[in-house]
Amino acid sequence: MHIREFQKLISQKYEKRDRERGIPGTFLWFIEEVGELATALASQDHENREEEFADVFAWLCTLANIGDIDLEKACRKYTSGELEGFKPK
């Protein structure tokens, strides 16, 4: 699945409610998930880490959706070869 496809899936499921909540409220949910990821990273529970990474990515997609940002397009700066200091393997 491409980033754009996942972002669209998140939009279809949650965007109406997320837009009603707005960016400030949604950002707080995102930060809460980042905190849960931080806790998971400190543990040895791989399944929980995986779950929290997914949650953070889903909430990032939500923020991008209500901010009218195409994440796949935004990530092109890392794949275009024009970013100074980026050294692909």
C-alpha atoms as a PDB file:
ATOM      1  CA  MET A   1       0.000   0.000   0.000  1.00  0.00           C
ATOM      2  CA  HIS A   2       1.255   3.463  -0.853  1.00  0.00           C
ATOM      3  CA  ILE A   3       1.161   6.357   1.601  1.00  0.00           C
ATOM      4  CA  ARG A   4      -1.550   8.065  -0.454  1.00  0.00           C
ATOM      5  CA  GLU A   5      -3.740   4.956  -0.297  1.00  0.00           C
ATOM      6  CA  PHE A   6      -3.397   4.716   3.481  1.00  0.00           C
ATOM      7  CA  GLN A   7      -4.075   8.436   3.868  1.00  0.00           C
ATOM      8  CA  LYS A   8      -7.222   8.035   1.757  1.00  0.00           C
ATOM      9  CA  LEU A   9      -8.359   5.076   3.882  1.00  0.00           C
ATOM     10  CA  ILE A  10      -7.929   7.161   7.043  1.00  0.00           C
ATOM     11  CA  SER A  11      -9.826  10.002   5.365  1.00  0.00           C
ATOM     12  CA  GLN A  12     -12.743   7.771   4.426  1.00  0.00           C
ATOM     13  CA  LYS A  13     -13.051   6.419   7.961  1.00  0.00           C
ATOM     14  CA  TYR A  14     -12.373   9.476  10.103  1.00  0.00           C
ATOM     15  CA  GLU A  15     -12.077  12.776   8.228  1.00  0.00           C
ATOM     16  CA  LYS A  16     -15.574  14.132   8.884  1.00  0.00           C
ATOM     17  CA  ARG A  17     -15.176  13.736  12.649  1.00  0.00           C
ATOM     18  CA  ASP A  18     -11.560  14.909  12.556  1.00  0.00           C
ATOM     19  CA  ARG A  19     -12.425  18.101  10.681  1.00  0.00           C
ATOM     20  CA  GLU A  20     -15.122  18.820  13.254  1.00  0.00           C
ATOM     21  CA  ARG A  21     -12.525  18.402  16.028  1.00  0.00           C
ATOM     22  CA  GLY A  22     -10.122  20.698  14.161  1.00  0.00           C
ATOM     23  CA  ILE A  23      -6.361  20.799  13.938  1.00  0.00           C
ATOM     24  CA  PRO A  24      -5.627  21.871  17.548  1.00  0.00           C
ATOM     25  CA  GLY A  25      -7.707  19.073  19.093  1.00  0.00           C
ATOM     26  CA  THR A  26      -6.464  16.515  16.608  1.00  0.00           C
ATOM     27  CA  PHE A  27      -2.875  17.547  17.249  1.00  0.00           C
ATOM     28  CA  LEU A  28      -3.386  16.793  20.955  1.00  0.00           C
ATOM     29  CA  TRP A  29      -4.535  13.270  20.057  1.00  0.00           C
ATOM     30  CA  PHE A  30      -1.459  12.911  17.838  1.00  0.00           C
ATOM     31  CA  ILE A  31       0.848  14.013  20.662  1.00  0.00           C
ATOM     32  CA  GLU A  32      -0.824  11.533  23.029  1.00  0.00           C
ATOM     33  CA  GLU A  33      -0.049   8.767  20.538  1.00  0.00           C
ATOM     34  CA  VAL A  34       3.557   9.959  20.241  1.00  0.00           C
ATOM     35  CA  GLY A  35       3.782   9.658  24.033  1.00  0.00           C
ATOM     36  CA  GLU A  36       2.454   6.113  23.861  1.00  0.00           C
ATOM     37  CA  LEU A  37       5.066   5.352  21.202  1.00  0.00           C
ATOM     38  CA  ALA A  38       7.780   6.754  23.459  1.00  0.00           C
ATOM     39  CA  THR A  39       6.651   4.417  26.224  1.00  0.00           C
ATOM     40  CA  ALA A  40       6.541   1.475  23.825  1.00  0.00           C
ATOM     41  CA  LEU A  41      10.053   2.243  22.575  1.00  0.00           C
ATOM     42  CA  ALA A  42      11.315   2.025  26.151  1.00  0.00           C
ATOM     43  CA  SER A  43       9.877  -1.467  26.474  1.00  0.00           C
ATOM     44  CA  GLN A  44      10.853  -4.779  24.940  1.00  0.00           C
ATOM     45  CA  ASP A  45       7.332  -5.398  23.605  1.00  0.00           C
ATOM     46  CA  HIS A  46       7.750  -5.496  19.826  1.00  0.00           C
ATOM     47  CA  GLU A  47       4.022  -5.942  19.150  1.00  0.00           C
ATOM     48  CA  ASN A  48       3.183  -2.863  21.204  1.00  0.00           C
ATOM     49  CA  ARG A  49       5.869  -0.845  19.411  1.00  0.00           C
ATOM     50  CA  GLU A  50       4.413  -1.899  16.069  1.00  0.00           C
ATOM     51  CA  GLU A  51       0.916  -0.929  17.187  1.00  0.00           C
ATOM     52  CA  GLU A  52       2.026   2.481  18.439  1.00  0.00           C
ATOM     53  CA  PHE A  53       3.980   3.236  15.247  1.00  0.00           C
ATOM     54  CA  ALA A  54       0.793   2.478  13.290  1.00  0.00           C
ATOM     55  CA  ASP A  55      -1.263   4.719  15.574  1.00  0.00           C
ATOM     56  CA  VAL A  56       1.183   7.618  15.217  1.00  0.00           C
ATOM     57  CA  PHE A  57       1.204   7.230  11.433  1.00  0.00           C
ATOM     58  CA  ALA A  58      -2.608   7.110  11.313  1.00  0.00           C
ATOM     59  CA  TRP A  59      -2.900  10.290  13.381  1.00  0.00           C
ATOM     60  CA  LEU A  60      -0.232  11.966  11.219  1.00  0.00           C
ATOM     61  CA  CYS A  61      -2.362  11.083   8.181  1.00  0.00           C
ATOM     62  CA  THR A  62      -5.384  12.557   9.942  1.00  0.00           C
ATOM     63  CA  LEU A  63      -3.555  15.831  10.560  1.00  0.00           C
ATOM     64  CA  ALA A  64      -2.399  15.899   6.951  1.00  0.00           C
ATOM     65  CA  ASN A  65      -5.943  15.250   5.734  1.00  0.00           C
ATOM     66  CA  ILE A  66      -7.511  18.083   7.683  1.00  0.00           C
ATOM     67  CA  GLY A  67      -4.567  20.317   6.769  1.00  0.00           C
ATOM     68  CA  ASP A  68      -5.047  19.448   3.086  1.00  0.00           C
ATOM     69  CA  ILE A  69      -1.542  17.947   2.773  1.00  0.00           C
ATOM     70  CA  ASP A  70      -0.742  15.017   0.500  1.00  0.00           C
ATOM     71  CA  LEU A  71       1.869  13.163   2.562  1.00  0.00           C
ATOM     72  CA  GLU A  72       3.141  11.121  -0.360  1.00  0.00           C
ATOM     73  CA  LYS A  73       3.793  14.325  -2.304  1.00  0.00           C
ATOM     74  CA  ALA A  74       5.343  15.977   0.747  1.00  0.00           C
ATOM     75  CA  CYS A  75       7.751  13.042   1.167  1.00  0.00           C
ATOM     76  CA  ARG A  76       9.127  13.533  -2.339  1.00  0.00           C
ATOM     77  CA  LYS A  77      11.729  15.877  -0.904  1.00  0.00           C
ATOM     78  CA  TYR A  78      13.440  12.741   0.400  1.00  0.00           C
ATOM     79  CA  THR A  79      13.291  10.870  -2.896  1.00  0.00           C
ATOM     80  CA  SER A  80      13.925  13.629  -5.441  1.00  0.00           C
ATOM     81  CA  GLY A  81      17.700  13.675  -4.939  1.00  0.00           C
ATOM     82  CA  GLU A  82      17.590  17.422  -4.341  1.00  0.00           C
ATOM     83  CA  LEU A  83      17.763  17.387  -0.536  1.00  0.00           C
ATOM     84  CA  GLU A  84      21.205  18.395   0.692  1.00  0.00           C
ATOM     85  CA  GLY A  85      22.623  16.195   3.381  1.00  0.00           C
ATOM     86  CA  PHE A  86      20.402  13.248   2.493  1.00  0.00           C
ATOM     87  CA  LYS A  87      22.556  10.264   1.682  1.00  0.00           C
ATOM     88  CA  PRO A  88      20.652   7.293   0.311  1.00  0.00           C
ATOM     89  CA  LYS A  89      22.233   3.909   0.810  1.00  0.00           C
END
